Amino acid sequence: MVKVMIVEDSNLMQAVITNFLKKDAPSVSVITAKDGQEGVEKYRAERPDLVFMDIKMPRKDGLAALEEIRAYDPGAKVVMCTALKEPEQEARARKAGAKGYLTKPFSREDIRRMVTENLGI
């Protein structure tokens, strides 16, 4: 079974992404984490096939979590999600190995495209 993890401190955004995934890829198992620290811990335990990760979060931000996950698993597929369009953040995320970068609000089509590009489903 394909596993997708959503690392997002907003319950609303977690629900939005989960609903998009369930409509377009109902066989996908969804894992959630509330911040970057929990995201890293769950990544190590669950080894999801794809991660959608917010950038601004408590305890550990998404960019630090991305770097830690990619150090642990260089093949990790992580799509960064942010409300702020900041070119420096996008450049840092891409340099750290992000497989995509979405600016909120994003659409169901944006999520579908990231799933297709990264998982082929």
PDB file of N, CA and C in Angstrom:
ATOM      1  N   MET A   1       0.834  -1.187   0.000  1.00  0.00           N
ATOM      2  CA  MET A   1       0.000   0.000   0.000  1.00  0.00           C
ATOM      3  C   MET A   1       0.878   1.250   0.000  1.00  0.00           C
ATOM      4  N   VAL A   2       0.499   2.234  -0.786  1.00  0.00           N
ATOM      5  CA  VAL A   2       1.214   3.494  -0.869  1.00  0.00           C
ATOM      6  C   VAL A   2       0.880   4.338   0.357  1.00  0.00           C
ATOM      7  N   LYS A   3       1.922   4.884   0.993  1.00  0.00           N
ATOM      8  CA  LYS A   3       1.731   5.722   2.179  1.00  0.00           C
ATOM      9  C   LYS A   3       2.158   7.151   1.872  1.00  0.00           C
ATOM     10  N   VAL A   4       1.286   8.099   2.245  1.00  0.00           N
ATOM     11  CA  VAL A   4       1.585   9.518   2.104  1.00  0.00           C
ATOM     12  C   VAL A   4       1.473  10.150   3.489  1.00  0.00           C
ATOM     13  N   MET A   5       2.479  10.919   3.859  1.00  0.00           N
ATOM     14  CA  MET A   5       2.462  11.592   5.151  1.00  0.00           C
ATOM     15  C   MET A   5       2.253  13.089   4.947  1.00  0.00           C
ATOM     16  N   ILE A   6       1.400  13.662   5.787  1.00  0.00           N
ATOM     17  CA  ILE A   6       1.145  15.100   5.786  1.00  0.00           C
ATOM     18  C   ILE A   6       1.695  15.654   7.090  1.00  0.00           C
ATOM     19  N   VAL A   7       2.682  16.538   6.984  1.00  0.00           N
ATOM     20  CA  VAL A   7       3.276  17.165   8.168  1.00  0.00           C
ATOM     21  C   VAL A   7       2.808  18.617   8.150  1.00  0.00           C
ATOM     22  N   GLU A   8       1.870  18.927   9.024  1.00  0.00           N
ATOM     23  CA  GLU A   8       1.177  20.225   8.988  1.00  0.00           C
ATOM     24  C   GLU A   8       0.598  20.517  10.365  1.00  0.00           C
ATOM     25  N   ASP A   9       0.864  21.707  10.895  1.00  0.00           N
ATOM     26  CA  ASP A   9       0.355  22.051  12.223  1.00  0.00           C
ATOM     27  C   ASP A   9      -1.094  22.521  12.203  1.00  0.00           C
ATOM     28  N   SER A  10      -1.646  22.805  11.043  1.00  0.00           N
ATOM     29  CA  SER A  10      -3.045  23.224  10.929  1.00  0.00           C
ATOM     30  C   SER A  10      -3.938  22.004  10.666  1.00  0.00           C
ATOM     31  N   ASN A  11      -4.885  21.778  11.579  1.00  0.00           N
ATOM     32  CA  ASN A  11      -5.831  20.669  11.382  1.00  0.00           C
ATOM     33  C   ASN A  11      -6.622  20.846  10.092  1.00  0.00           C
ATOM     34  N   LEU A  12      -6.973  22.089   9.772  1.00  0.00           N
ATOM     35  CA  LEU A  12      -7.735  22.362   8.556  1.00  0.00           C
ATOM     36  C   LEU A  12      -6.938  21.963   7.318  1.00  0.00           C
ATOM     37  N   MET A  13      -5.668  22.361   7.236  1.00  0.00           N
ATOM     38  CA  MET A  13      -4.851  22.015   6.067  1.00  0.00           C
ATOM     39  C   MET A  13      -4.608  20.511   5.991  1.00  0.00           C
ATOM     40  N   GLN A  14      -4.426  19.864   7.135  1.00  0.00           N
ATOM     41  CA  GLN A  14      -4.301  18.402   7.128  1.00  0.00           C
ATOM     42  C   GLN A  14      -5.546  17.771   6.515  1.00  0.00           C
ATOM     43  N   ALA A  15      -6.712  18.268   6.919  1.00  0.00           N
ATOM     44  CA  ALA A  15      -7.977  17.720   6.414  1.00  0.00           C
ATOM     45  C   ALA A  15      -8.142  17.995   4.922  1.00  0.00           C
ATOM     46  N   VAL A  16      -7.770  19.184   4.475  1.00  0.00           N
ATOM     47  CA  VAL A  16      -7.886  19.525   3.052  1.00  0.00           C
ATOM     48  C   VAL A  16      -7.037  18.582   2.206  1.00  0.00           C
ATOM     49  N   ILE A  17      -5.771  18.418   2.577  1.00  0.00           N
ATOM     50  CA  ILE A  17      -4.878  17.546   1.798  1.00  0.00           C
ATOM     51  C   ILE A  17      -5.357  16.098   1.861  1.00  0.00           C
ATOM     52  N   THR A  18      -5.762  15.655   3.042  1.00  0.00           N
ATOM     53  CA  THR A  18      -6.276  14.284   3.189  1.00  0.00           C
ATOM     54  C   THR A  18      -7.483  14.065   2.283  1.00  0.00           C
ATOM     55  N   ASN A  19      -8.407  15.020   2.262  1.00  0.00           N
ATOM     56  CA  ASN A  19      -9.604  14.876   1.416  1.00  0.00           C
ATOM     57  C   ASN A  19      -9.238  14.833  -0.061  1.00  0.00           C
ATOM     58  N   PHE A  20      -8.309  15.681  -0.490  1.00  0.00           N
ATOM     59  CA  PHE A  20      -7.854  15.647  -1.884  1.00  0.00           C
ATOM     60  C   PHE A  20      -7.280  14.272  -2.213  1.00  0.00           C
ATOM     61  N   LEU A  21      -6.446  13.753  -1.332  1.00  0.00           N
ATOM     62  CA  LEU A  21      -5.820  12.454  -1.575  1.00  0.00           C
ATOM     63  C   LEU A  21      -6.857  11.346  -1.633  1.00  0.00           C
ATOM     64  N   LYS A  22      -7.800  11.348  -0.714  1.00  0.00           N
ATOM     65  CA  LYS A  22      -8.807  10.290  -0.663  1.00  0.00           C
ATOM     66  C   LYS A  22      -9.699  10.294  -1.903  1.00  0.00           C
ATOM     67  N   LYS A  23      -9.942  11.480  -2.475  1.00  0.00           N
ATOM     68  CA  LYS A  23     -10.770  11.558  -3.681  1.00  0.00           C
ATOM     69  C   LYS A  23     -10.021  11.070  -4.908  1.00  0.00           C
ATOM     70  N   ASP A  24      -8.737  11.379  -5.002  1.00  0.00           N
ATOM     71  CA  ASP A  24      -7.968  11.056  -6.205  1.00  0.00           C
ATOM     72  C   ASP A  24      -7.181   9.759  -6.113  1.00  0.00           C
ATOM     73  N   ALA A  25      -6.881   9.320  -4.917  1.00  0.00           N
ATOM     74  CA  ALA A  25      -6.107   8.089  -4.731  1.00  0.00           C
ATOM     75  C   ALA A  25      -6.633   7.371  -3.494  1.00  0.00           C
ATOM     76  N   PRO A  26      -7.851   6.796  -3.579  1.00  0.00           N
ATOM     77  CA  PRO A  26      -8.489   6.215  -2.399  1.00  0.00           C
ATOM     78  C   PRO A  26      -7.718   5.068  -1.749  1.00  0.00           C
ATOM     79  N   SER A  27      -6.818   4.442  -2.471  1.00  0.00           N
ATOM     80  CA  SER A  27      -6.056   3.338  -1.885  1.00  0.00           C
ATOM     81  C   SER A  27      -4.852   3.806  -1.070  1.00  0.00           C
ATOM     82  N   VAL A  28      -4.572   5.101  -1.089  1.00  0.00           N
ATOM     83  CA  VAL A  28      -3.429   5.640  -0.359  1.00  0.00           C
ATOM     84  C   VAL A  28      -3.719   5.656   1.137  1.00  0.00           C
ATOM     85  N   SER A  29      -2.745   5.239   1.927  1.00  0.00           N
ATOM     86  CA  SER A  29      -2.827   5.329   3.384  1.00  0.00           C
ATOM     87  C   SER A  29      -2.219   6.668   3.797  1.00  0.00           C
ATOM     88  N   VAL A  30      -2.953   7.444   4.602  1.00  0.00           N
ATOM     89  CA  VAL A  30      -2.492   8.771   5.007  1.00  0.00           C
ATOM     90  C   VAL A  30      -2.020   8.746   6.459  1.00  0.00           C
ATOM     91  N   ILE A  31      -0.832   9.285   6.671  1.00  0.00           N
ATOM     92  CA  ILE A  31      -0.223   9.429   7.995  1.00  0.00           C
ATOM     93  C   ILE A  31      -0.110  10.924   8.244  1.00  0.00           C
ATOM     94  N   THR A  32      -0.356  11.374   9.484  1.00  0.00           N
ATOM     95  CA  THR A  32      -0.235  12.798   9.771  1.00  0.00           C
ATOM     96  C   THR A  32       0.728  13.035  10.925  1.00  0.00           C
ATOM     97  N   ALA A  33       1.325  14.237  10.901  1.00  0.00           N
ATOM     98  CA  ALA A  33       2.205  14.689  11.979  1.00  0.00           C
ATOM     99  C   ALA A  33       1.949  16.181  12.172  1.00  0.00           C
ATOM    100  N   LYS A  34       2.079  16.664  13.401  1.00  0.00           N
ATOM    101  CA  LYS A  34       1.736  18.040  13.746  1.00  0.00           C
ATOM    102  C   LYS A  34       2.881  19.039  13.605  1.00  0.00           C
ATOM    103  N   ASP A  35       4.112  18.561  13.514  1.00  0.00           N
ATOM    104  CA  ASP A  35       5.254  19.471  13.374  1.00  0.00           C
ATOM    105  C   ASP A  35       6.438  18.705  12.801  1.00  0.00           C
ATOM    106  N   GLY A  36       7.511  19.431  12.518  1.00  0.00           N
ATOM    107  CA  GLY A  36       8.669  18.815  11.890  1.00  0.00           C
ATOM    108  C   GLY A  36       9.311  17.717  12.720  1.00  0.00           C
ATOM    109  N   GLN A  37       9.352  17.898  14.035  1.00  0.00           N
ATOM    110  CA  GLN A  37       9.957  16.876  14.900  1.00  0.00           C
ATOM    111  C   GLN A  37       9.174  15.573  14.817  1.00  0.00           C
ATOM    112  N   GLU A  38       7.848  15.665  14.955  1.00  0.00           N
ATOM    113  CA  GLU A  38       7.016  14.468  14.847  1.00  0.00           C
ATOM    114  C   GLU A  38       7.096  13.890  13.433  1.00  0.00           C
ATOM    115  N   GLY A  39       7.211  14.766  12.433  1.00  0.00           N
ATOM    116  CA  GLY A  39       7.327  14.309  11.057  1.00  0.00           C
ATOM    117  C   GLY A  39       8.568  13.454  10.833  1.00  0.00           C
ATOM    118  N   VAL A  40       9.698  13.892  11.378  1.00  0.00           N
ATOM    119  CA  VAL A  40      10.940  13.122  11.252  1.00  0.00           C
ATOM    120  C   VAL A  40      10.785  11.768  11.949  1.00  0.00           C
ATOM    121  N   GLU A  41      10.234  11.788  13.159  1.00  0.00           N
ATOM    122  CA  GLU A  41      10.050  10.538  13.918  1.00  0.00           C
ATOM    123  C   GLU A  41       9.132   9.564  13.165  1.00  0.00           C
ATOM    124  N   LYS A  42       8.024  10.083  12.637  1.00  0.00           N
ATOM    125  CA  LYS A  42       7.091   9.213  11.923  1.00  0.00           C
ATOM    126  C   LYS A  42       7.676   8.758  10.583  1.00  0.00           C
ATOM    127  N   TYR A  43       8.475   9.602   9.952  1.00  0.00           N
ATOM    128  CA  TYR A  43       9.108   9.186   8.698  1.00  0.00           C
ATOM    129  C   TYR A  43       9.984   7.959   8.965  1.00  0.00           C
ATOM    130  N   ARG A  44      10.780   8.019   9.995  1.00  0.00           N
ATOM    131  CA  ARG A  44      11.670   6.893  10.322  1.00  0.00           C
ATOM    132  C   ARG A  44      10.888   5.627  10.652  1.00  0.00           C
ATOM    133  N   ALA A  45       9.763   5.784  11.325  1.00  0.00           N
ATOM    134  CA  ALA A  45       8.955   4.625  11.734  1.00  0.00           C
ATOM    135  C   ALA A  45       8.121   4.063  10.580  1.00  0.00           C
ATOM    136  N   GLU A  46       7.579   4.943   9.740  1.00  0.00           N
ATOM    137  CA  GLU A  46       6.610   4.534   8.723  1.00  0.00           C
ATOM    138  C   GLU A  46       7.169   4.419   7.299  1.00  0.00           C
ATOM    139  N   ARG A  47       8.251   5.144   7.002  1.00  0.00           N
ATOM    140  CA  ARG A  47       8.851   5.192   5.661  1.00  0.00           C
ATOM    141  C   ARG A  47       7.799   5.443   4.571  1.00  0.00           C
ATOM    142  N   PRO A  48       7.092   6.586   4.645  1.00  0.00           N
ATOM    143  CA  PRO A  48       6.085   6.877   3.620  1.00  0.00           C
ATOM    144  C   PRO A  48       6.713   7.054   2.241  1.00  0.00           C
ATOM    145  N   ASP A  49       5.901   6.863   1.228  1.00  0.00           N
ATOM    146  CA  ASP A  49       6.354   6.988  -0.156  1.00  0.00           C
ATOM    147  C   ASP A  49       6.440   8.448  -0.601  1.00  0.00           C
ATOM    148  N   LEU A  50       5.651   9.308   0.047  1.00  0.00           N
ATOM    149  CA  LEU A  50       5.625  10.728  -0.294  1.00  0.00           C
ATOM    150  C   LEU A  50       5.236  11.514   0.946  1.00  0.00           C
ATOM    151  N   VAL A  51       5.827  12.700   1.090  1.00  0.00           N
ATOM    152  CA  VAL A  51       5.532  13.574   2.229  1.00  0.00           C
ATOM    153  C   VAL A  51       5.131  14.950   1.704  1.00  0.00           C
ATOM    154  N   PHE A  52       4.036  15.493   2.246  1.00  0.00           N
ATOM    155  CA  PHE A  52       3.678  16.898   2.049  1.00  0.00           C
ATOM    156  C   PHE A  52       4.018  17.594   3.359  1.00  0.00           C
ATOM    157  N   MET A  53       4.925  18.590   3.324  1.00  0.00           N
ATOM    158  CA  MET A  53       5.435  19.195   4.550  1.00  0.00           C
ATOM    159  C   MET A  53       5.294  20.709   4.531  1.00  0.00           C
ATOM    160  N   ASP A  54       4.622  21.218   5.552  1.00  0.00           N
ATOM    161  CA  ASP A  54       4.537  22.661   5.758  1.00  0.00           C
ATOM    162  C   ASP A  54       5.927  23.172   6.134  1.00  0.00           C
ATOM    163  N   ILE A  55       6.165  24.447   5.941  1.00  0.00           N
ATOM    164  CA  ILE A  55       7.465  25.005   6.315  1.00  0.00           C
ATOM    165  C   ILE A  55       7.423  25.618   7.711  1.00  0.00           C
ATOM    166  N   LYS A  56       6.472  26.485   7.966  1.00  0.00           N
ATOM    167  CA  LYS A  56       6.389  27.168   9.266  1.00  0.00           C
ATOM    168  C   LYS A  56       5.603  26.307  10.250  1.00  0.00           C
ATOM    169  N   MET A  57       6.331  25.707  11.234  1.00  0.00           N
ATOM    170  CA  MET A  57       5.701  24.866  12.246  1.00  0.00           C
ATOM    171  C   MET A  57       6.466  25.002  13.555  1.00  0.00           C
ATOM    172  N   PRO A  58       5.807  24.668  14.669  1.00  0.00           N
ATOM    173  CA  PRO A  58       6.505  24.706  15.961  1.00  0.00           C
ATOM    174  C   PRO A  58       7.520  23.564  16.098  1.00  0.00           C
ATOM    175  N   ARG A  59       8.339  23.655  17.094  1.00  0.00           N
ATOM    176  CA  ARG A  59       9.390  22.689  17.465  1.00  0.00           C
ATOM    177  C   ARG A  59      10.477  22.538  16.410  1.00  0.00           C
ATOM    178  N   LYS A  60      10.121  22.156  15.210  1.00  0.00           N
ATOM    179  CA  LYS A  60      11.094  22.026  14.120  1.00  0.00           C
ATOM    180  C   LYS A  60      10.387  22.425  12.845  1.00  0.00           C
ATOM    181  N   ASP A  61      10.955  23.402  12.124  1.00  0.00           N
ATOM    182  CA  ASP A  61      10.293  23.835  10.895  1.00  0.00           C
ATOM    183  C   ASP A  61      10.493  22.806   9.790  1.00  0.00           C
ATOM    184  N   GLY A  62       9.742  22.977   8.726  1.00  0.00           N
ATOM    185  CA  GLY A  62       9.748  22.005   7.645  1.00  0.00           C
ATOM    186  C   GLY A  62      11.068  21.891   6.913  1.00  0.00           C
ATOM    187  N   LEU A  63      11.789  23.004   6.779  1.00  0.00           N
ATOM    188  CA  LEU A  63      13.079  22.938   6.080  1.00  0.00           C
ATOM    189  C   LEU A  63      14.092  22.129   6.879  1.00  0.00           C
ATOM    190  N   ALA A  64      14.130  22.322   8.205  1.00  0.00           N
ATOM    191  CA  ALA A  64      15.029  21.528   9.045  1.00  0.00           C
ATOM    192  C   ALA A  64      14.625  20.052   9.008  1.00  0.00           C
ATOM    193  N   ALA A  65      13.321  19.792   9.043  1.00  0.00           N
ATOM    194  CA  ALA A  65      12.835  18.409   8.977  1.00  0.00           C
ATOM    195  C   ALA A  65      13.176  17.774   7.631  1.00  0.00           C
ATOM    196  N   LEU A  66      13.013  18.535   6.543  1.00  0.00           N
ATOM    197  CA  LEU A  66      13.376  18.041   5.207  1.00  0.00           C
ATOM    198  C   LEU A  66      14.844  17.626   5.177  1.00  0.00           C
ATOM    199  N   GLU A  67      15.715  18.486   5.681  1.00  0.00           N
ATOM    200  CA  GLU A  67      17.150  18.178   5.680  1.00  0.00           C
ATOM    201  C   GLU A  67      17.452  16.927   6.497  1.00  0.00           C
ATOM    202  N   GLU A  68      16.771  16.780   7.639  1.00  0.00           N
ATOM    203  CA  GLU A  68      16.996  15.608   8.484  1.00  0.00           C
ATOM    204  C   GLU A  68      16.474  14.329   7.818  1.00  0.00           C
ATOM    205  N   ILE A  69      15.311  14.412   7.222  1.00  0.00           N
ATOM    206  CA  ILE A  69      14.744  13.247   6.529  1.00  0.00           C
ATOM    207  C   ILE A  69      15.629  12.839   5.360  1.00  0.00           C
ATOM    208  N   ARG A  70      16.078  13.803   4.569  1.00  0.00           N
ATOM    209  CA  ARG A  70      16.922  13.487   3.406  1.00  0.00           C
ATOM    210  C   ARG A  70      18.299  12.970   3.827  1.00  0.00           C
ATOM    211  N   ALA A  71      18.801  13.397   4.982  1.00  0.00           N
ATOM    212  CA  ALA A  71      20.061  12.846   5.491  1.00  0.00           C
ATOM    213  C   ALA A  71      19.865  11.379   5.879  1.00  0.00           C
ATOM    214  N   TYR A  72      18.712  11.076   6.452  1.00  0.00           N
ATOM    215  CA  TYR A  72      18.382   9.710   6.845  1.00  0.00           C
ATOM    216  C   TYR A  72      18.087   8.838   5.622  1.00  0.00           C
ATOM    217  N   ASP A  73      17.341   9.413   4.649  1.00  0.00           N
ATOM    218  CA  ASP A  73      16.929   8.686   3.454  1.00  0.00           C
ATOM    219  C   ASP A  73      17.085   9.602   2.243  1.00  0.00           C
ATOM    220  N   PRO A  74      18.219   9.539   1.549  1.00  0.00           N
ATOM    221  CA  PRO A  74      18.454  10.421   0.401  1.00  0.00           C
ATOM    222  C   PRO A  74      17.419  10.284  -0.712  1.00  0.00           C
ATOM    223  N   GLY A  75      16.676   9.196  -0.744  1.00  0.00           N
ATOM    224  CA  GLY A  75      15.658   9.004  -1.765  1.00  0.00           C
ATOM    225  C   GLY A  75      14.273   9.485  -1.356  1.00  0.00           C
ATOM    226  N   ALA A  76      14.157  10.080  -0.178  1.00  0.00           N
ATOM    227  CA  ALA A  76      12.855  10.546   0.315  1.00  0.00           C
ATOM    228  C   ALA A  76      12.236  11.551  -0.649  1.00  0.00           C
ATOM    229  N   LYS A  77      10.936  11.417  -0.861  1.00  0.00           N
ATOM    230  CA  LYS A  77      10.195  12.327  -1.734  1.00  0.00           C
ATOM    231  C   LYS A  77       9.354  13.248  -0.852  1.00  0.00           C
ATOM    232  N   VAL A  78       9.775  14.512  -0.803  1.00  0.00           N
ATOM    233  CA  VAL A  78       9.124  15.492   0.064  1.00  0.00           C
ATOM    234  C   VAL A  78       8.713  16.703  -0.766  1.00  0.00           C
ATOM    235  N   VAL A  79       7.444  17.071  -0.649  1.00  0.00           N
ATOM    236  CA  VAL A  79       6.906  18.261  -1.304  1.00  0.00           C
ATOM    237  C   VAL A  79       6.674  19.298  -0.216  1.00  0.00           C
ATOM    238  N   MET A  80       7.277  20.464  -0.367  1.00  0.00           N
ATOM    239  CA  MET A  80       7.139  21.519   0.616  1.00  0.00           C
ATOM    240  C   MET A  80       5.901  22.352   0.302  1.00  0.00           C
ATOM    241  N   CYS A  81       5.202  22.775   1.371  1.00  0.00           N
ATOM    242  CA  CYS A  81       3.990  23.582   1.244  1.00  0.00           C
ATOM    243  C   CYS A  81       4.139  24.802   2.147  1.00  0.00           C
ATOM    244  N   THR A  82       3.812  25.970   1.625  1.00  0.00           N
ATOM    245  CA  THR A  82       3.958  27.179   2.427  1.00  0.00           C
ATOM    246  C   THR A  82       2.935  28.235   2.039  1.00  0.00           C
ATOM    247  N   ALA A  83       2.617  29.082   2.993  1.00  0.00           N
ATOM    248  CA  ALA A  83       1.697  30.187   2.731  1.00  0.00           C
ATOM    249  C   ALA A  83       2.444  31.401   2.198  1.00  0.00           C
ATOM    250  N   LEU A  84       3.745  31.447   2.399  1.00  0.00           N
ATOM    251  CA  LEU A  84       4.546  32.602   2.002  1.00  0.00           C
ATOM    252  C   LEU A  84       5.410  32.269   0.799  1.00  0.00           C
ATOM    253  N   LYS A  85       5.304  33.060  -0.230  1.00  0.00           N
ATOM    254  CA  LYS A  85       6.131  32.878  -1.429  1.00  0.00           C
ATOM    255  C   LYS A  85       7.451  33.597  -1.186  1.00  0.00           C
ATOM    256  N   GLU A  86       8.450  32.836  -0.760  1.00  0.00           N
ATOM    257  CA  GLU A  86       9.764  33.391  -0.480  1.00  0.00           C
ATOM    258  C   GLU A  86      10.795  32.639  -1.321  1.00  0.00           C
ATOM    259  N   PRO A  87      11.366  33.295  -2.323  1.00  0.00           N
ATOM    260  CA  PRO A  87      12.316  32.626  -3.213  1.00  0.00           C
ATOM    261  C   PRO A  87      13.503  31.977  -2.479  1.00  0.00           C
ATOM    262  N   GLU A  88      13.950  32.597  -1.376  1.00  0.00           N
ATOM    263  CA  GLU A  88      15.083  32.015  -0.637  1.00  0.00           C
ATOM    264  C   GLU A  88      14.700  30.668  -0.027  1.00  0.00           C
ATOM    265  N   GLN A  89      13.472  30.588   0.509  1.00  0.00           N
ATOM    266  CA  GLN A  89      13.006  29.327   1.084  1.00  0.00           C
ATOM    267  C   GLN A  89      12.872  28.253   0.015  1.00  0.00           C
ATOM    268  N   GLU A  90      12.328  28.631  -1.123  1.00  0.00           N
ATOM    269  CA  GLU A  90      12.178  27.662  -2.194  1.00  0.00           C
ATOM    270  C   GLU A  90      13.542  27.173  -2.662  1.00  0.00           C
ATOM    271  N   ALA A  91      14.501  28.074  -2.786  1.00  0.00           N
ATOM    272  CA  ALA A  91      15.852  27.685  -3.207  1.00  0.00           C
ATOM    273  C   ALA A  91      16.480  26.740  -2.183  1.00  0.00           C
ATOM    274  N   ARG A  92      16.306  27.043  -0.900  1.00  0.00           N
ATOM    275  CA  ARG A  92      16.865  26.166   0.151  1.00  0.00           C
ATOM    276  C   ARG A  92      16.190  24.794   0.113  1.00  0.00           C
ATOM    277  N   ALA A  93      14.871  24.791  -0.086  1.00  0.00           N
ATOM    278  CA  ALA A  93      14.140  23.522  -0.137  1.00  0.00           C
ATOM    279  C   ALA A  93      14.595  22.681  -1.328  1.00  0.00           C
ATOM    280  N   ARG A  94      14.725  23.301  -2.466  1.00  0.00           N
ATOM    281  CA  ARG A  94      15.165  22.573  -3.667  1.00  0.00           C
ATOM    282  C   ARG A  94      16.591  22.051  -3.492  1.00  0.00           C
ATOM    283  N   LYS A  95      17.456  22.885  -2.906  1.00  0.00           N
ATOM    284  CA  LYS A  95      18.848  22.463  -2.673  1.00  0.00           C
ATOM    285  C   LYS A  95      18.908  21.272  -1.708  1.00  0.00           C
ATOM    286  N   ALA A  96      17.981  21.261  -0.744  1.00  0.00           N
ATOM    287  CA  ALA A  96      17.938  20.167   0.236  1.00  0.00           C
ATOM    288  C   ALA A  96      17.278  18.909  -0.334  1.00  0.00           C
ATOM    289  N   GLY A  97      16.725  19.002  -1.550  1.00  0.00           N
ATOM    290  CA  GLY A  97      16.183  17.813  -2.196  1.00  0.00           C
ATOM    291  C   GLY A  97      14.675  17.736  -2.284  1.00  0.00           C
ATOM    292  N   ALA A  98      13.960  18.827  -2.019  1.00  0.00           N
ATOM    293  CA  ALA A  98      12.502  18.805  -2.147  1.00  0.00           C
ATOM    294  C   ALA A  98      12.107  18.430  -3.569  1.00  0.00           C
ATOM    295  N   LYS A  99      11.104  17.599  -3.694  1.00  0.00           N
ATOM    296  CA  LYS A  99      10.630  17.131  -5.000  1.00  0.00           C
ATOM    297  C   LYS A  99       9.496  17.984  -5.547  1.00  0.00           C
ATOM    298  N   GLY A 100       9.118  19.012  -4.801  1.00  0.00           N
ATOM    299  CA  GLY A 100       8.075  19.926  -5.235  1.00  0.00           C
ATOM    300  C   GLY A 100       7.932  21.037  -4.223  1.00  0.00           C
ATOM    301  N   TYR A 101       7.265  22.117  -4.628  1.00  0.00           N
ATOM    302  CA  TYR A 101       7.094  23.282  -3.770  1.00  0.00           C
ATOM    303  C   TYR A 101       5.757  23.906  -4.120  1.00  0.00           C
ATOM    304  N   LEU A 102       4.819  23.886  -3.173  1.00  0.00           N
ATOM    305  CA  LEU A 102       3.481  24.429  -3.399  1.00  0.00           C
ATOM    306  C   LEU A 102       3.244  25.625  -2.494  1.00  0.00           C
ATOM    307  N   THR A 103       2.643  26.663  -3.056  1.00  0.00           N
ATOM    308  CA  THR A 103       2.273  27.832  -2.275  1.00  0.00           C
ATOM    309  C   THR A 103       0.777  27.766  -1.987  1.00  0.00           C
ATOM    310  N   LYS A 104       0.413  27.940  -0.703  1.00  0.00           N
ATOM    311  CA  LYS A 104      -0.994  27.933  -0.292  1.00  0.00           C
ATOM    312  C   LYS A 104      -1.639  29.243  -0.724  1.00  0.00           C
ATOM    313  N   PRO A 105      -2.899  29.251  -1.085  1.00  0.00           N
ATOM    314  CA  PRO A 105      -3.744  28.056  -1.180  1.00  0.00           C
ATOM    315  C   PRO A 105      -3.464  27.302  -2.471  1.00  0.00           C
ATOM    316  N   PHE A 106      -3.372  26.004  -2.363  1.00  0.00           N
ATOM    317  CA  PHE A 106      -3.161  25.186  -3.556  1.00  0.00           C
ATOM    318  C   PHE A 106      -4.447  24.429  -3.845  1.00  0.00           C
ATOM    319  N   SER A 107      -4.516  23.885  -5.022  1.00  0.00           N
ATOM    320  CA  SER A 107      -5.740  23.217  -5.469  1.00  0.00           C
ATOM    321  C   SER A 107      -5.611  21.698  -5.387  1.00  0.00           C
ATOM    322  N   ARG A 108      -6.736  21.055  -5.559  1.00  0.00           N
ATOM    323  CA  ARG A 108      -6.761  19.595  -5.644  1.00  0.00           C
ATOM    324  C   ARG A 108      -5.883  19.128  -6.800  1.00  0.00           C
ATOM    325  N   GLU A 109      -5.902  19.882  -7.900  1.00  0.00           N
ATOM    326  CA  GLU A 109      -5.067  19.547  -9.057  1.00  0.00           C
ATOM    327  C   GLU A 109      -3.575  19.627  -8.707  1.00  0.00           C
ATOM    328  N   ASP A 110      -3.186  20.590  -7.889  1.00  0.00           N
ATOM    329  CA  ASP A 110      -1.782  20.705  -7.468  1.00  0.00           C
ATOM    330  C   ASP A 110      -1.344  19.450  -6.700  1.00  0.00           C
ATOM    331  N   ILE A 111      -2.198  18.992  -5.786  1.00  0.00           N
ATOM    332  CA  ILE A 111      -1.881  17.781  -5.014  1.00  0.00           C
ATOM    333  C   ILE A 111      -1.827  16.577  -5.944  1.00  0.00           C
ATOM    334  N   ARG A 112      -2.808  16.462  -6.836  1.00  0.00           N
ATOM    335  CA  ARG A 112      -2.842  15.346  -7.793  1.00  0.00           C
ATOM    336  C   ARG A 112      -1.563  15.329  -8.645  1.00  0.00           C
ATOM    337  N   ARG A 113      -1.145  16.504  -9.103  1.00  0.00           N
ATOM    338  CA  ARG A 113       0.064  16.601  -9.934  1.00  0.00           C
ATOM    339  C   ARG A 113       1.303  16.145  -9.167  1.00  0.00           C
ATOM    340  N   MET A 114       1.416  16.547  -7.908  1.00  0.00           N
ATOM    341  CA  MET A 114       2.581  16.142  -7.099  1.00  0.00           C
ATOM    342  C   MET A 114       2.581  14.629  -6.859  1.00  0.00           C
ATOM    343  N   VAL A 115       1.398  14.058  -6.622  1.00  0.00           N
ATOM    344  CA  VAL A 115       1.294  12.598  -6.431  1.00  0.00           C
ATOM    345  C   VAL A 115       1.683  11.889  -7.711  1.00  0.00           C
ATOM    346  N   THR A 116       1.174  12.347  -8.843  1.00  0.00           N
ATOM    347  CA  THR A 116       1.486  11.716 -10.128  1.00  0.00           C
ATOM    348  C   THR A 116       2.969  11.843 -10.452  1.00  0.00           C
ATOM    349  N   GLU A 117       3.522  13.033 -10.300  1.00  0.00           N
ATOM    350  CA  GLU A 117       4.942  13.243 -10.625  1.00  0.00           C
ATOM    351  C   GLU A 117       5.865  12.411  -9.741  1.00  0.00           C
ATOM    352  N   ASN A 118       5.499  12.251  -8.466  1.00  0.00           N
ATOM    353  CA  ASN A 118       6.387  11.577  -7.526  1.00  0.00           C
ATOM    354  C   ASN A 118       6.117  10.091  -7.345  1.00  0.00           C
ATOM    355  N   LEU A 119       4.881   9.677  -7.586  1.00  0.00           N
ATOM    356  CA  LEU A 119       4.534   8.271  -7.358  1.00  0.00           C
ATOM    357  C   LEU A 119       4.028   7.563  -8.595  1.00  0.00           C
ATOM    358  N   GLY A 120       3.710   8.318  -9.640  1.00  0.00           N
ATOM    359  CA  GLY A 120       3.223   7.692 -10.856  1.00  0.00           C
ATOM    360  C   GLY A 120       1.824   7.125 -10.751  1.00  0.00           C
ATOM    361  N   ILE A 121       1.051   7.586  -9.773  1.00  0.00           N
ATOM    362  CA  ILE A 121      -0.349   7.103  -9.636  1.00  0.00           C
ATOM    363  C   ILE A 121      -1.325   8.250  -9.818  1.00  0.00           C
TER     364      ILE A 121
END
